[in-house]
């Protein structure tokens, strides 16, 4: 399962990385990743005109986009589009951060899952897009 990581670079900027969460066949229930602990969970709804300038993530967290469409920009100028069903691992809690804006003119719902510091996602670097 693909997850896009947004992380702080050594020079205080931010960047994207594609990672793949490994899934193992569990028979009738499908494929599952390893279980991991979560600190807490919150639901959020953003307005249709959401446009947040440079900011850091308030915590290391997974963000599951339930609907709507956004664009995230990192400090190198790269921009990527995300929509319902996409999962982000946001780890740029220091430095300049990233920019986020709604791109479809609709409100957007998402699920935030804050991760404890000791939790590392079981992952491997994904193949380039």
Protein backbone atom coordinates (compact mmCIF):
# COMPACT_ATOMS: atom_id res chain seq x y z
CA UNK A 1 0.00 0.00 0.00
CA UNK A 2 1.48 3.33 -1.08
CA UNK A 3 1.89 6.14 1.45
CA UNK A 4 3.37 9.55 0.61
CA UNK A 5 5.75 10.81 3.28
CA UNK A 6 6.29 14.55 3.81
CA UNK A 7 9.43 15.06 5.89
CA UNK A 8 11.83 17.75 7.08
CA UNK A 9 15.16 17.82 5.25
CA UNK A 10 18.51 18.50 6.93
CA UNK A 11 18.59 22.04 5.53
CA UNK A 12 15.27 23.00 7.17
CA UNK A 13 13.17 22.39 4.08
CA UNK A 14 10.69 19.64 3.26
CA UNK A 15 10.42 16.88 0.67
CA UNK A 16 8.26 14.00 -0.52
CA UNK A 17 9.11 10.31 -0.40
CA UNK A 18 6.99 7.42 -1.64
CA UNK A 19 6.97 4.46 0.73
CA UNK A 20 5.22 1.15 0.48
CA UNK A 21 3.59 -0.40 3.54
CA UNK A 22 4.11 -4.14 3.28
CA UNK A 23 0.96 -6.25 3.36
CA UNK A 24 0.81 -9.97 4.04
CA UNK A 25 -1.94 -12.30 2.87
CA UNK A 26 -4.27 -13.15 5.75
CA UNK A 27 -6.64 -15.38 3.81
CA UNK A 28 -10.36 -14.50 3.78
CA UNK A 29 -9.83 -11.11 5.47
CA UNK A 30 -7.41 -9.94 2.77
CA UNK A 31 -3.92 -8.51 3.09
CA UNK A 32 -2.89 -6.70 6.28
CA UNK A 33 0.12 -4.71 7.41
CA UNK A 34 1.73 -5.26 10.78
CA UNK A 35 -0.27 -3.67 13.62
CA UNK A 36 1.14 -0.42 14.99
CA UNK A 37 0.25 1.71 17.97
CA UNK A 38 -1.48 5.07 17.60
CA UNK A 39 -1.43 7.90 20.11
CA UNK A 40 -4.85 9.33 19.27
CA UNK A 41 -7.24 9.96 16.41
CA UNK A 42 -9.15 13.03 15.23
CA UNK A 43 -11.57 13.75 12.40
CA UNK A 44 -11.39 17.06 10.54
CA UNK A 45 -13.43 18.95 7.99
CA UNK A 46 -11.93 21.85 6.03
CA UNK A 47 -13.77 24.59 4.19
CA UNK A 48 -13.85 24.72 0.40
CA UNK A 49 -11.45 27.70 0.38
CA UNK A 50 -8.79 26.08 2.62
CA UNK A 51 -5.36 27.48 1.70
CA UNK A 52 -2.73 27.25 4.43
CA UNK A 53 0.60 28.91 3.70
CA UNK A 54 3.90 27.42 4.93
CA UNK A 55 3.40 25.45 8.14
CA UNK A 56 4.87 22.49 9.98
CA UNK A 57 2.86 19.46 10.94
CA UNK A 58 1.79 19.80 14.59
CA UNK A 59 2.78 16.16 15.21
CA UNK A 60 4.08 13.12 13.40
CA UNK A 61 0.89 11.67 11.98
CA UNK A 62 -0.87 9.71 9.31
CA UNK A 63 -3.52 11.65 7.42
CA UNK A 64 -6.16 9.64 5.58
CA UNK A 65 -8.03 11.78 3.05
CA UNK A 66 -11.65 10.67 3.04
CA UNK A 67 -12.82 12.94 0.21
CA UNK A 68 -12.01 16.21 -1.53
CA UNK A 69 -8.81 17.17 -3.31
CA UNK A 70 -5.68 19.00 -2.16
CA UNK A 71 -2.31 20.05 -3.42
CA UNK A 72 0.74 19.96 -1.17
CA UNK A 73 3.91 21.90 -1.98
CA UNK A 74 7.31 21.24 -0.39
CA UNK A 75 10.18 23.72 -0.19
CA UNK A 76 11.91 22.56 -3.38
CA UNK A 77 8.82 23.70 -5.32
CA UNK A 78 7.49 20.22 -6.03
CA UNK A 79 3.69 20.00 -5.83
CA UNK A 80 1.60 16.85 -5.63
CA UNK A 81 -2.16 16.30 -5.80
CA UNK A 82 -4.01 14.04 -3.37
CA UNK A 83 -7.63 13.00 -3.02
CA UNK A 84 -10.03 10.69 -1.24
CA UNK A 85 -8.38 7.41 -0.29
CA UNK A 86 -4.82 8.76 -0.28
CA UNK A 87 -2.70 8.35 2.85
CA UNK A 88 0.04 10.74 3.96
CA UNK A 89 2.72 10.26 6.60
CA UNK A 90 3.46 13.82 7.70
CA UNK A 91 6.73 14.17 9.63
CA UNK A 92 7.88 17.73 8.88
CA UNK A 93 7.39 18.94 12.45
CA UNK A 94 10.33 21.36 12.20
CA UNK A 95 11.83 23.64 9.58
CA UNK A 96 9.78 25.59 7.04
CA UNK A 97 7.14 22.89 6.57
CA UNK A 98 4.82 22.62 3.57
CA UNK A 99 1.85 24.39 1.96
CA UNK A 100 -1.61 22.85 1.56
CA UNK A 101 -4.56 24.05 -0.46
CA UNK A 102 -7.92 22.70 -1.57
CA UNK A 103 -8.09 22.31 -5.34
CA UNK A 104 -11.65 21.19 -6.09
CA UNK A 105 -13.64 23.99 -4.44
CA UNK A 106 -15.38 21.58 -2.03
CA UNK A 107 -15.06 20.98 1.69
CA UNK A 108 -12.79 18.10 2.60
CA UNK A 109 -12.90 15.48 5.33
CA UNK A 110 -9.88 13.65 6.70
CA UNK A 111 -8.78 11.40 9.54
CA UNK A 112 -5.66 12.24 11.57
CA UNK A 113 -3.81 9.47 13.41
CA UNK A 114 -1.02 10.78 15.63
CA UNK A 115 1.82 8.33 16.09
CA UNK A 116 3.84 7.81 19.28
CA UNK A 117 7.55 8.69 18.81
CA UNK A 118 8.66 5.07 19.11
CA UNK A 119 6.39 3.83 16.31
CA UNK A 120 8.06 3.36 12.95
CA UNK A 121 5.93 2.31 10.02
CA UNK A 122 6.88 -1.06 8.61
CA UNK A 123 7.89 0.15 5.17
CA UNK A 124 10.17 -0.07 2.23
CA UNK A 125 10.96 2.65 -0.28
CA UNK A 126 8.49 2.46 -3.14
CA UNK A 127 9.54 2.22 -6.74
CA UNK A 128 9.67 5.63 -8.47
CA UNK A 129 6.35 6.78 -9.91
